[in-house]
Amino acid sequence: MRGCPIRETLEHLGSKWTVLVVIALSRQTRRFSELRRDIPDISQRMLTQTLRDLERVGLVERELHAAVPPRVDYRLSPMGMSLLPPLLGIIDWATQNGGAMHGARQRYDAAAEAG
């Protein structure tokens, strides 16, 4: 199913880093260092890769300011902003059901260990 929009979309949105970066940018335009503070467990390399991928697919816009040192700002594009309602719906669902999923996983794992 090459060229399938669902598959291609999930390929880009399936990463936890993508979701965290989009949520961080939903609040306001951010600099790279601010995003690193907002998402402390992401490596510099992974943040760079995630931002490049999001810019490549049109969800993030990057603005370079001629300053010393150079300053780069990142913000969600209009298409990136349109992603927020469904993404926030998934986050709400995860918040409501995360405990139940954790309990189910524990029960499953305990049953698997018991044989």
PDB file of N, CA and C in Angstrom:
ATOM      1  N   MET A   1       0.827  -1.191   0.000  1.00  0.00           N
ATOM      2  CA  MET A   1       0.000   0.000   0.000  1.00  0.00           C
ATOM      3  C   MET A   1       0.872   1.255   0.000  1.00  0.00           C
ATOM      4  N   ARG A   2       1.802   1.280  -0.906  1.00  0.00           N
ATOM      5  CA  ARG A   2       2.671   2.439  -1.033  1.00  0.00           C
ATOM      6  C   ARG A   2       1.842   3.672  -1.364  1.00  0.00           C
ATOM      7  N   GLY A   3       2.139   4.778  -0.681  1.00  0.00           N
ATOM      8  CA  GLY A   3       1.412   6.007  -0.917  1.00  0.00           C
ATOM      9  C   GLY A   3       0.118   6.108  -0.129  1.00  0.00           C
ATOM     10  N   CYS A   4      -0.134   5.158   0.758  1.00  0.00           N
ATOM     11  CA  CYS A   4      -1.350   5.180   1.580  1.00  0.00           C
ATOM     12  C   CYS A   4      -1.245   6.323   2.590  1.00  0.00           C
ATOM     13  N   PRO A   5      -2.168   7.291   2.562  1.00  0.00           N
ATOM     14  CA  PRO A   5      -2.053   8.433   3.461  1.00  0.00           C
ATOM     15  C   PRO A   5      -2.138   8.051   4.940  1.00  0.00           C
ATOM     16  N   ILE A   6      -2.885   7.019   5.265  1.00  0.00           N
ATOM     17  CA  ILE A   6      -2.982   6.611   6.670  1.00  0.00           C
ATOM     18  C   ILE A   6      -1.644   6.060   7.144  1.00  0.00           C
ATOM     19  N   ARG A   7      -1.077   5.183   6.355  1.00  0.00           N
ATOM     20  CA  ARG A   7       0.214   4.586   6.718  1.00  0.00           C
ATOM     21  C   ARG A   7       1.301   5.649   6.811  1.00  0.00           C
ATOM     22  N   GLU A   8       1.338   6.548   5.838  1.00  0.00           N
ATOM     23  CA  GLU A   8       2.352   7.608   5.848  1.00  0.00           C
ATOM     24  C   GLU A   8       2.175   8.538   7.045  1.00  0.00           C
ATOM     25  N   THR A   9       0.927   8.868   7.375  1.00  0.00           N
ATOM     26  CA  THR A   9       0.665   9.733   8.517  1.00  0.00           C
ATOM     27  C   THR A   9       1.101   9.062   9.813  1.00  0.00           C
ATOM     28  N   LEU A  10       0.721   7.805   9.988  1.00  0.00           N
ATOM     29  CA  LEU A  10       1.101   7.087  11.208  1.00  0.00           C
ATOM     30  C   LEU A  10       2.612   6.905  11.311  1.00  0.00           C
ATOM     31  N   GLU A  11       3.278   6.801  10.177  1.00  0.00           N
ATOM     32  CA  GLU A  11       4.736   6.694  10.176  1.00  0.00           C
ATOM     33  C   GLU A  11       5.359   7.927  10.833  1.00  0.00           C
ATOM     34  N   HIS A  12       4.778   9.084  10.586  1.00  0.00           N
ATOM     35  CA  HIS A  12       5.320  10.327  11.134  1.00  0.00           C
ATOM     36  C   HIS A  12       4.798  10.631  12.533  1.00  0.00           C
ATOM     37  N   LEU A  13       3.598  10.217  12.831  1.00  0.00           N
ATOM     38  CA  LEU A  13       2.994  10.564  14.120  1.00  0.00           C
ATOM     39  C   LEU A  13       3.131   9.467  15.164  1.00  0.00           C
ATOM     40  N   GLY A  14       3.653   8.321  14.782  1.00  0.00           N
ATOM     41  CA  GLY A  14       3.715   7.181  15.687  1.00  0.00           C
ATOM     42  C   GLY A  14       4.784   7.282  16.763  1.00  0.00           C
ATOM     43  N   SER A  15       5.654   8.230  16.676  1.00  0.00           N
ATOM     44  CA  SER A  15       6.731   8.375  17.645  1.00  0.00           C
ATOM     45  C   SER A  15       6.266   9.180  18.849  1.00  0.00           C
ATOM     46  N   LYS A  16       6.652   8.733  20.039  1.00  0.00           N
ATOM     47  CA  LYS A  16       6.304   9.499  21.241  1.00  0.00           C
ATOM     48  C   LYS A  16       6.943  10.878  21.188  1.00  0.00           C
ATOM     49  N   TRP A  17       8.116  10.974  20.557  1.00  0.00           N
ATOM     50  CA  TRP A  17       8.790  12.274  20.483  1.00  0.00           C
ATOM     51  C   TRP A  17       8.004  13.245  19.625  1.00  0.00           C
ATOM     52  N   THR A  18       7.436  12.764  18.533  1.00  0.00           N
ATOM     53  CA  THR A  18       6.627  13.626  17.677  1.00  0.00           C
ATOM     54  C   THR A  18       5.467  14.213  18.465  1.00  0.00           C
ATOM     55  N   VAL A  19       4.771  13.380  19.193  1.00  0.00           N
ATOM     56  CA  VAL A  19       3.617  13.841  19.978  1.00  0.00           C
ATOM     57  C   VAL A  19       4.065  14.866  21.012  1.00  0.00           C
ATOM     58  N   LEU A  20       5.151  14.594  21.717  1.00  0.00           N
ATOM     59  CA  LEU A  20       5.620  15.522  22.754  1.00  0.00           C
ATOM     60  C   LEU A  20       6.079  16.849  22.164  1.00  0.00           C
ATOM     61  N   VAL A  21       6.738  16.817  21.010  1.00  0.00           N
ATOM     62  CA  VAL A  21       7.174  18.054  20.355  1.00  0.00           C
ATOM     63  C   VAL A  21       5.965  18.850  19.881  1.00  0.00           C
ATOM     64  N   VAL A  22       4.999  18.203  19.273  1.00  0.00           N
ATOM     65  CA  VAL A  22       3.792  18.904  18.803  1.00  0.00           C
ATOM     66  C   VAL A  22       3.069  19.541  19.987  1.00  0.00           C
ATOM     67  N   ILE A  23       2.932  18.819  21.080  1.00  0.00           N
ATOM     68  CA  ILE A  23       2.265  19.379  22.267  1.00  0.00           C
ATOM     69  C   ILE A  23       3.054  20.565  22.803  1.00  0.00           C
ATOM     70  N   ALA A  24       4.378  20.460  22.867  1.00  0.00           N
ATOM     71  CA  ALA A  24       5.192  21.580  23.348  1.00  0.00           C
ATOM     72  C   ALA A  24       5.043  22.801  22.452  1.00  0.00           C
ATOM     73  N   LEU A  25       4.963  22.582  21.147  1.00  0.00           N
ATOM     74  CA  LEU A  25       4.816  23.710  20.215  1.00  0.00           C
ATOM     75  C   LEU A  25       3.386  24.228  20.154  1.00  0.00           C
ATOM     76  N   SER A  26       2.438  23.492  20.701  1.00  0.00           N
ATOM     77  CA  SER A  26       1.048  23.940  20.664  1.00  0.00           C
ATOM     78  C   SER A  26       0.842  25.169  21.538  1.00  0.00           C
ATOM     79  N   ARG A  27       1.684  25.335  22.513  1.00  0.00           N
ATOM     80  CA  ARG A  27       1.546  26.452  23.451  1.00  0.00           C
ATOM     81  C   ARG A  27       2.052  27.760  22.858  1.00  0.00           C
ATOM     82  N   GLN A  28       3.203  27.670  22.166  1.00  0.00           N
ATOM     83  CA  GLN A  28       3.809  28.874  21.590  1.00  0.00           C
ATOM     84  C   GLN A  28       5.031  28.499  20.772  1.00  0.00           C
ATOM     85  N   THR A  29       5.554  29.479  20.050  1.00  0.00           N
ATOM     86  CA  THR A  29       6.804  29.315  19.322  1.00  0.00           C
ATOM     87  C   THR A  29       7.907  29.053  20.342  1.00  0.00           C
ATOM     88  N   ARG A  30       8.798  28.106  20.010  1.00  0.00           N
ATOM     89  CA  ARG A  30       9.849  27.724  20.952  1.00  0.00           C
ATOM     90  C   ARG A  30      11.195  27.672  20.246  1.00  0.00           C
ATOM     91  N   ARG A  31      12.226  27.950  21.004  1.00  0.00           N
ATOM     92  CA  ARG A  31      13.590  27.747  20.534  1.00  0.00           C
ATOM     93  C   ARG A  31      13.989  26.317  20.858  1.00  0.00           C
ATOM     94  N   PHE A  32      15.040  25.849  20.201  1.00  0.00           N
ATOM     95  CA  PHE A  32      15.507  24.481  20.398  1.00  0.00           C
ATOM     96  C   PHE A  32      15.773  24.207  21.884  1.00  0.00           C
ATOM     97  N   SER A  33      16.491  25.123  22.529  1.00  0.00           N
ATOM     98  CA  SER A  33      16.835  24.921  23.946  1.00  0.00           C
ATOM     99  C   SER A  33      15.590  24.888  24.831  1.00  0.00           C
ATOM    100  N   GLU A  34      14.562  25.639  24.472  1.00  0.00           N
ATOM    101  CA  GLU A  34      13.314  25.604  25.244  1.00  0.00           C
ATOM    102  C   GLU A  34      12.617  24.256  25.079  1.00  0.00           C
ATOM    103  N   LEU A  35      12.651  23.724  23.865  1.00  0.00           N
ATOM    104  CA  LEU A  35      12.066  22.403  23.636  1.00  0.00           C
ATOM    105  C   LEU A  35      12.820  21.340  24.426  1.00  0.00           C
ATOM    106  N   ARG A  36      14.134  21.459  24.505  1.00  0.00           N
ATOM    107  CA  ARG A  36      14.929  20.506  25.301  1.00  0.00           C
ATOM    108  C   ARG A  36      14.525  20.568  26.766  1.00  0.00           C
ATOM    109  N   ARG A  37      14.248  21.767  27.270  1.00  0.00           N
ATOM    110  CA  ARG A  37      13.797  21.899  28.667  1.00  0.00           C
ATOM    111  C   ARG A  37      12.388  21.348  28.843  1.00  0.00           C
ATOM    112  N   ASP A  38      11.522  21.574  27.840  1.00  0.00           N
ATOM    113  CA  ASP A  38      10.141  21.080  27.912  1.00  0.00           C
ATOM    114  C   ASP A  38      10.076  19.554  27.880  1.00  0.00           C
ATOM    115  N   ILE A  39      11.026  18.941  27.170  1.00  0.00           N
ATOM    116  CA  ILE A  39      11.049  17.481  26.994  1.00  0.00           C
ATOM    117  C   ILE A  39      12.422  16.996  27.471  1.00  0.00           C
ATOM    118  N   PRO A  40      12.642  16.940  28.769  1.00  0.00           N
ATOM    119  CA  PRO A  40      13.994  16.703  29.286  1.00  0.00           C
ATOM    120  C   PRO A  40      14.593  15.348  28.938  1.00  0.00           C
ATOM    121  N   ASP A  41      13.778  14.333  28.654  1.00  0.00           N
ATOM    122  CA  ASP A  41      14.348  13.014  28.376  1.00  0.00           C
ATOM    123  C   ASP A  41      14.634  12.763  26.897  1.00  0.00           C
ATOM    124  N   ILE A  42      14.460  13.772  26.037  1.00  0.00           N
ATOM    125  CA  ILE A  42      14.799  13.617  24.626  1.00  0.00           C
ATOM    126  C   ILE A  42      16.251  14.043  24.423  1.00  0.00           C
ATOM    127  N   SER A  43      16.969  13.274  23.631  1.00  0.00           N
ATOM    128  CA  SER A  43      18.358  13.645  23.340  1.00  0.00           C
ATOM    129  C   SER A  43      18.381  14.777  22.314  1.00  0.00           C
ATOM    130  N   GLN A  44      19.497  15.476  22.267  1.00  0.00           N
ATOM    131  CA  GLN A  44      19.653  16.551  21.285  1.00  0.00           C
ATOM    132  C   GLN A  44      19.509  16.000  19.870  1.00  0.00           C
ATOM    133  N   ARG A  45      20.113  14.848  19.626  1.00  0.00           N
ATOM    134  CA  ARG A  45      20.050  14.229  18.295  1.00  0.00           C
ATOM    135  C   ARG A  45      18.611  13.870  17.920  1.00  0.00           C
ATOM    136  N   MET A  46      17.870  13.286  18.857  1.00  0.00           N
ATOM    137  CA  MET A  46      16.492  12.879  18.571  1.00  0.00           C
ATOM    138  C   MET A  46      15.590  14.098  18.378  1.00  0.00           C
ATOM    139  N   LEU A  47      15.810  15.147  19.157  1.00  0.00           N
ATOM    140  CA  LEU A  47      15.018  16.367  18.973  1.00  0.00           C
ATOM    141  C   LEU A  47      15.294  16.972  17.605  1.00  0.00           C
ATOM    142  N   THR A  48      16.552  17.033  17.218  1.00  0.00           N
ATOM    143  CA  THR A  48      16.911  17.560  15.897  1.00  0.00           C
ATOM    144  C   THR A  48      16.242  16.742  14.801  1.00  0.00           C
ATOM    145  N   GLN A  49      16.333  15.428  14.902  1.00  0.00           N
ATOM    146  CA  GLN A  49      15.743  14.540  13.895  1.00  0.00           C
ATOM    147  C   GLN A  49      14.222  14.696  13.846  1.00  0.00           C
ATOM    148  N   THR A  50      13.592  14.785  15.004  1.00  0.00           N
ATOM    149  CA  THR A  50      12.137  14.929  15.061  1.00  0.00           C
ATOM    150  C   THR A  50      11.698  16.251  14.452  1.00  0.00           C
ATOM    151  N   LEU A  51      12.383  17.334  14.789  1.00  0.00           N
ATOM    152  CA  LEU A  51      12.033  18.641  14.228  1.00  0.00           C
ATOM    153  C   LEU A  51      12.221  18.661  12.718  1.00  0.00           C
ATOM    154  N   ARG A  52      13.280  18.063  12.231  1.00  0.00           N
ATOM    155  CA  ARG A  52      13.512  18.018  10.773  1.00  0.00           C
ATOM    156  C   ARG A  52      12.413  17.228  10.070  1.00  0.00           C
ATOM    157  N   ASP A  53      12.034  16.108  10.668  1.00  0.00           N
ATOM    158  CA  ASP A  53      10.976  15.289  10.074  1.00  0.00           C
ATOM    159  C   ASP A  53       9.649  16.051  10.068  1.00  0.00           C
ATOM    160  N   LEU A  54       9.331  16.711  11.162  1.00  0.00           N
ATOM    161  CA  LEU A  54       8.073  17.473  11.236  1.00  0.00           C
ATOM    162  C   LEU A  54       8.082  18.656  10.265  1.00  0.00           C
ATOM    163  N   GLU A  55       9.240  19.276  10.092  1.00  0.00           N
ATOM    164  CA  GLU A  55       9.351  20.361   9.111  1.00  0.00           C
ATOM    165  C   GLU A  55       9.208  19.796   7.696  1.00  0.00           C
ATOM    166  N   ARG A  56       9.828  18.663   7.451  1.00  0.00           N
ATOM    167  CA  ARG A  56       9.789  18.036   6.122  1.00  0.00           C
ATOM    168  C   ARG A  56       8.372  17.704   5.687  1.00  0.00           C
ATOM    169  N   VAL A  57       7.525  17.251   6.615  1.00  0.00           N
ATOM    170  CA  VAL A  57       6.151  16.876   6.254  1.00  0.00           C
ATOM    171  C   VAL A  57       5.170  18.037   6.419  1.00  0.00           C
ATOM    172  N   GLY A  58       5.676  19.215   6.795  1.00  0.00           N
ATOM    173  CA  GLY A  58       4.832  20.401   6.807  1.00  0.00           C
ATOM    174  C   GLY A  58       4.091  20.685   8.103  1.00  0.00           C
ATOM    175  N   LEU A  59       4.442  19.991   9.187  1.00  0.00           N
ATOM    176  CA  LEU A  59       3.747  20.226  10.454  1.00  0.00           C
ATOM    177  C   LEU A  59       4.406  21.312  11.301  1.00  0.00           C
ATOM    178  N   VAL A  60       5.685  21.554  11.050  1.00  0.00           N
ATOM    179  CA  VAL A  60       6.444  22.543  11.813  1.00  0.00           C
ATOM    180  C   VAL A  60       7.101  23.512  10.839  1.00  0.00           C
ATOM    181  N   GLU A  61       7.135  24.768  11.248  1.00  0.00           N
ATOM    182  CA  GLU A  61       7.851  25.789  10.483  1.00  0.00           C
ATOM    183  C   GLU A  61       9.054  26.236  11.301  1.00  0.00           C
ATOM    184  N   ARG A  62      10.156  26.447  10.598  1.00  0.00           N
ATOM    185  CA  ARG A  62      11.416  26.834  11.228  1.00  0.00           C
ATOM    186  C   ARG A  62      11.774  28.217  10.718  1.00  0.00           C
ATOM    187  N   GLU A  63      12.106  29.104  11.645  1.00  0.00           N
ATOM    188  CA  GLU A  63      12.489  30.463  11.241  1.00  0.00           C
ATOM    189  C   GLU A  63      13.868  30.780  11.803  1.00  0.00           C
ATOM    190  N   LEU A  64      14.796  31.070  10.899  1.00  0.00           N
ATOM    191  CA  LEU A  64      16.160  31.415  11.283  1.00  0.00           C
ATOM    192  C   LEU A  64      16.276  32.930  11.363  1.00  0.00           C
ATOM    193  N   HIS A  65      16.756  33.419  12.503  1.00  0.00           N
ATOM    194  CA  HIS A  65      16.945  34.862  12.705  1.00  0.00           C
ATOM    195  C   HIS A  65      18.433  35.167  12.578  1.00  0.00           C
ATOM    196  N   ALA A  66      18.743  36.194  11.802  1.00  0.00           N
ATOM    197  CA  ALA A  66      20.136  36.611  11.629  1.00  0.00           C
ATOM    198  C   ALA A  66      20.568  37.338  12.892  1.00  0.00           C
ATOM    199  N   ALA A  67      21.205  36.622  13.764  1.00  0.00           N
ATOM    200  CA  ALA A  67      21.695  37.176  15.013  1.00  0.00           C
ATOM    201  C   ALA A  67      22.982  36.449  15.364  1.00  0.00           C
ATOM    202  N   VAL A  68      23.681  36.957  16.347  1.00  0.00           N
ATOM    203  CA  VAL A  68      24.882  36.288  16.826  1.00  0.00           C
ATOM    204  C   VAL A  68      24.674  35.978  18.298  1.00  0.00           C
ATOM    205  N   PRO A  69      24.623  34.719  18.675  1.00  0.00           N
ATOM    206  CA  PRO A  69      24.621  33.540  17.812  1.00  0.00           C
ATOM    207  C   PRO A  69      23.293  33.428  17.063  1.00  0.00           C
ATOM    208  N   PRO A  70      23.265  32.641  15.984  1.00  0.00           N
ATOM    209  CA  PRO A  70      22.021  32.506  15.219  1.00  0.00           C
ATOM    210  C   PRO A  70      20.899  31.974  16.115  1.00  0.00           C
ATOM    211  N   ARG A  71      19.713  32.472  15.873  1.00  0.00           N
ATOM    212  CA  ARG A  71      18.549  32.035  16.651  1.00  0.00           C
ATOM    213  C   ARG A  71      17.553  31.376  15.712  1.00  0.00           C
ATOM    214  N   VAL A  72      17.055  30.215  16.130  1.00  0.00           N
ATOM    215  CA  VAL A  72      16.071  29.486  15.337  1.00  0.00           C
ATOM    216  C   VAL A  72      14.830  29.292  16.189  1.00  0.00           C
ATOM    217  N   ASP A  73      13.696  29.658  15.627  1.00  0.00           N
ATOM    218  CA  ASP A  73      12.413  29.452  16.290  1.00  0.00           C
ATOM    219  C   ASP A  73      11.627  28.387  15.544  1.00  0.00           C
ATOM    220  N   TYR A  74      10.897  27.592  16.294  1.00  0.00           N
ATOM    221  CA  TYR A  74      10.035  26.553  15.728  1.00  0.00           C
ATOM    222  C   TYR A  74       8.609  26.828  16.162  1.00  0.00           C
ATOM    223  N   ARG A  75       7.683  26.619  15.244  1.00  0.00           N
ATOM    224  CA  ARG A  75       6.253  26.762  15.557  1.00  0.00           C
ATOM    225  C   ARG A  75       5.483  25.770  14.704  1.00  0.00           C
ATOM    226  N   LEU A  76       4.275  25.463  15.156  1.00  0.00           N
ATOM    227  CA  LEU A  76       3.420  24.605  14.350  1.00  0.00           C
ATOM    228  C   LEU A  76       2.929  25.381  13.140  1.00  0.00           C
ATOM    229  N   SER A  77       2.894  24.726  12.026  1.00  0.00           N
ATOM    230  CA  SER A  77       2.315  25.310  10.814  1.00  0.00           C
ATOM    231  C   SER A  77       0.789  25.251  10.953  1.00  0.00           C
ATOM    232  N   PRO A  78       0.053  25.873  10.044  1.00  0.00           N
ATOM    233  CA  PRO A  78      -1.403  25.720  10.085  1.00  0.00           C
ATOM    234  C   PRO A  78      -1.832  24.243  10.039  1.00  0.00           C
ATOM    235  N   MET A  79      -1.136  23.432   9.240  1.00  0.00           N
ATOM    236  CA  MET A  79      -1.472  22.009   9.207  1.00  0.00           C
ATOM    237  C   MET A  79      -1.148  21.357  10.554  1.00  0.00           C
ATOM    238  N   GLY A  80      -0.038  21.749  11.167  1.00  0.00           N
ATOM    239  CA  GLY A  80       0.310  21.231  12.486  1.00  0.00           C
ATOM    240  C   GLY A  80      -0.732  21.616  13.532  1.00  0.00           C
ATOM    241  N   MET A  81      -1.238  22.833  13.436  1.00  0.00           N
ATOM    242  CA  MET A  81      -2.291  23.271  14.368  1.00  0.00           C
ATOM    243  C   MET A  81      -3.561  22.451  14.170  1.00  0.00           C
ATOM    244  N   SER A  82      -3.837  22.052  12.927  1.00  0.00           N
ATOM    245  CA  SER A  82      -5.045  21.259  12.669  1.00  0.00           C
ATOM    246  C   SER A  82      -4.935  19.850  13.241  1.00  0.00           C
ATOM    247  N   LEU A  83      -3.719  19.432  13.573  1.00  0.00           N
ATOM    248  CA  LEU A  83      -3.507  18.119  14.194  1.00  0.00           C
ATOM    249  C   LEU A  83      -3.893  18.114  15.674  1.00  0.00           C
ATOM    250  N   LEU A  84      -3.918  19.286  16.298  1.00  0.00           N
ATOM    251  CA  LEU A  84      -4.132  19.336  17.746  1.00  0.00           C
ATOM    252  C   LEU A  84      -5.458  18.751  18.220  1.00  0.00           C
ATOM    253  N   PRO A  85      -6.602  19.061  17.612  1.00  0.00           N
ATOM    254  CA  PRO A  85      -7.851  18.483  18.145  1.00  0.00           C
ATOM    255  C   PRO A  85      -7.859  16.953  18.192  1.00  0.00           C
ATOM    256  N   PRO A  86      -7.498  16.242  17.098  1.00  0.00           N
ATOM    257  CA  PRO A  86      -7.494  14.779  17.234  1.00  0.00           C
ATOM    258  C   PRO A  86      -6.414  14.283  18.191  1.00  0.00           C
ATOM    259  N   LEU A  87      -5.267  14.943  18.209  1.00  0.00           N
ATOM    260  CA  LEU A  87      -4.199  14.522  19.111  1.00  0.00           C
ATOM    261  C   LEU A  87      -4.602  14.714  20.571  1.00  0.00           C
ATOM    262  N   LEU A  88      -5.240  15.837  20.872  1.00  0.00           N
ATOM    263  CA  LEU A  88      -5.704  16.072  22.240  1.00  0.00           C
ATOM    264  C   LEU A  88      -6.789  15.079  22.630  1.00  0.00           C
ATOM    265  N   GLY A  89      -7.591  14.639  21.662  1.00  0.00           N
ATOM    266  CA  GLY A  89      -8.581  13.600  21.924  1.00  0.00           C
ATOM    267  C   GLY A  89      -7.919  12.296  22.337  1.00  0.00           C
ATOM    268  N   ILE A  90      -6.830  11.942  21.664  1.00  0.00           N
ATOM    269  CA  ILE A  90      -6.087  10.726  22.010  1.00  0.00           C
ATOM    270  C   ILE A  90      -5.455  10.879  23.395  1.00  0.00           C
ATOM    271  N   ILE A  91      -4.925  12.055  23.676  1.00  0.00           N
ATOM    272  CA  ILE A  91      -4.320  12.297  24.993  1.00  0.00           C
ATOM    273  C   ILE A  91      -5.369  12.190  26.087  1.00  0.00           C
ATOM    274  N   ASP A  92      -6.548  12.756  25.859  1.00  0.00           N
ATOM    275  CA  ASP A  92      -7.634  12.632  26.844  1.00  0.00           C
ATOM    276  C   ASP A  92      -8.009  11.171  27.044  1.00  0.00           C
ATOM    277  N   TRP A  93      -8.115  10.422  25.947  1.00  0.00           N
ATOM    278  CA  TRP A  93      -8.453   9.006  26.043  1.00  0.00           C
ATOM    279  C   TRP A  93      -7.389   8.264  26.847  1.00  0.00           C
ATOM    280  N   ALA A  94      -6.116   8.549  26.570  1.00  0.00           N
ATOM    281  CA  ALA A  94      -5.018   7.890  27.283  1.00  0.00           C
ATOM    282  C   ALA A  94      -5.050   8.231  28.770  1.00  0.00           C
ATOM    283  N   THR A  95      -5.374   9.467  29.098  1.00  0.00           N
ATOM    284  CA  THR A  95      -5.465   9.871  30.490  1.00  0.00           C
ATOM    285  C   THR A  95      -6.586   9.113  31.199  1.00  0.00           C
ATOM    286  N   GLN A  96      -7.709   8.968  30.531  1.00  0.00           N
ATOM    287  CA  GLN A  96      -8.850   8.271  31.120  1.00  0.00           C
ATOM    288  C   GLN A  96      -8.637   6.766  31.210  1.00  0.00           C
ATOM    289  N   ASN A  97      -7.904   6.181  30.285  1.00  0.00           N
ATOM    290  CA  ASN A  97      -7.788   4.723  30.198  1.00  0.00           C
ATOM    291  C   ASN A  97      -6.408   4.169  30.523  1.00  0.00           C
ATOM    292  N   GLY A  98      -5.452   5.041  30.795  1.00  0.00           N
ATOM    293  CA  GLY A  98      -4.090   4.578  31.072  1.00  0.00           C
ATOM    294  C   GLY A  98      -4.014   3.625  32.251  1.00  0.00           C
ATOM    295  N   GLY A  99      -4.728   3.930  33.327  1.00  0.00           N
ATOM    296  CA  GLY A  99      -4.716   3.058  34.505  1.00  0.00           C
ATOM    297  C   GLY A  99      -5.288   1.692  34.200  1.00  0.00           C
ATOM    298  N   ALA A 100      -6.373   1.657  33.447  1.00  0.00           N
ATOM    299  CA  ALA A 100      -6.987   0.373  33.084  1.00  0.00           C
ATOM    300  C   ALA A 100      -6.046  -0.429  32.185  1.00  0.00           C
ATOM    301  N   MET A 101      -5.364   0.231  31.269  1.00  0.00           N
ATOM    302  CA  MET A 101      -4.419  -0.474  30.399  1.00  0.00           C
ATOM    303  C   MET A 101      -3.252  -1.038  31.216  1.00  0.00           C
ATOM    304  N   HIS A 102      -2.777  -0.255  32.169  1.00  0.00           N
ATOM    305  CA  HIS A 102      -1.678  -0.713  33.024  1.00  0.00           C
ATOM    306  C   HIS A 102      -2.108  -1.944  33.821  1.00  0.00           C
ATOM    307  N   GLY A 103      -3.314  -1.900  34.391  1.00  0.00           N
ATOM    308  CA  GLY A 103      -3.832  -3.043  35.138  1.00  0.00           C
ATOM    309  C   GLY A 103      -3.990  -4.280  34.267  1.00  0.00           C
ATOM    310  N   ALA A 104      -4.500  -4.099  33.057  1.00  0.00           N
ATOM    311  CA  ALA A 104      -4.662  -5.221  32.131  1.00  0.00           C
ATOM    312  C   ALA A 104      -3.307  -5.826  31.780  1.00  0.00           C
ATOM    313  N   ARG A 105      -2.321  -4.977  31.564  1.00  0.00           N
ATOM    314  CA  ARG A 105      -0.974  -5.463  31.234  1.00  0.00           C
ATOM    315  C   ARG A 105      -0.399  -6.263  32.406  1.00  0.00           C
ATOM    316  N   GLN A 106      -0.598  -5.779  33.624  1.00  0.00           N
ATOM    317  CA  GLN A 106      -0.094  -6.505  34.793  1.00  0.00           C
ATOM    318  C   GLN A 106      -0.766  -7.868  34.936  1.00  0.00           C
ATOM    319  N   ARG A 107      -2.082  -7.903  34.724  1.00  0.00           N
ATOM    320  CA  ARG A 107      -2.821  -9.180  34.820  1.00  0.00           C
ATOM    321  C   ARG A 107      -2.351 -10.151  33.736  1.00  0.00           C
ATOM    322  N   TYR A 108      -2.186  -9.662  32.547  1.00  0.00           N
ATOM    323  CA  TYR A 108      -1.730 -10.492  31.428  1.00  0.00           C
ATOM    324  C   TYR A 108      -0.339 -11.058  31.724  1.00  0.00           C
ATOM    325  N   ASP A 109       0.563 -10.183  32.151  1.00  0.00           N
ATOM    326  CA  ASP A 109       1.930 -10.617  32.429  1.00  0.00           C
ATOM    327  C   ASP A 109       1.970 -11.625  33.574  1.00  0.00           C
ATOM    328  N   ALA A 110       1.159 -11.419  34.613  1.00  0.00           N
ATOM    329  CA  ALA A 110       1.123 -12.348  35.733  1.00  0.00           C
ATOM    330  C   ALA A 110       0.599 -13.710  35.279  1.00  0.00           C
ATOM    331  N   ALA A 111      -0.433 -13.705  34.428  1.00  0.00           N
ATOM    332  CA  ALA A 111      -0.980 -14.961  33.922  1.00  0.00           C
ATOM    333  C   ALA A 111       0.043 -15.668  33.026  1.00  0.00           C
ATOM    334  N   ALA A 112       0.786 -14.907  32.238  1.00  0.00           N
ATOM    335  CA  ALA A 112       1.793 -15.500  31.352  1.00  0.00           C
ATOM    336  C   ALA A 112       2.918 -16.123  32.170  1.00  0.00           C
ATOM    337  N   GLU A 113       3.307 -15.471  33.257  1.00  0.00           N
ATOM    338  CA  GLU A 113       4.356 -16.018  34.117  1.00  0.00           C
ATOM    339  C   GLU A 113       3.886 -17.286  34.827  1.00  0.00           C
ATOM    340  N   ALA A 114       2.595 -17.312  35.194  1.00  0.00           N
ATOM    341  CA  ALA A 114       2.048 -18.475  35.893  1.00  0.00           C
ATOM    342  C   ALA A 114       1.933 -19.680  34.961  1.00  0.00           C
ATOM    343  N   GLY A 115       1.946 -19.394  33.689  1.00  0.00           N
ATOM    344  CA  GLY A 115       1.940 -20.488  32.715  1.00  0.00           C
ATOM    345  C   GLY A 115       0.601 -20.877  32.301  1.00  0.00           C
TER     346      GLY A 115
END
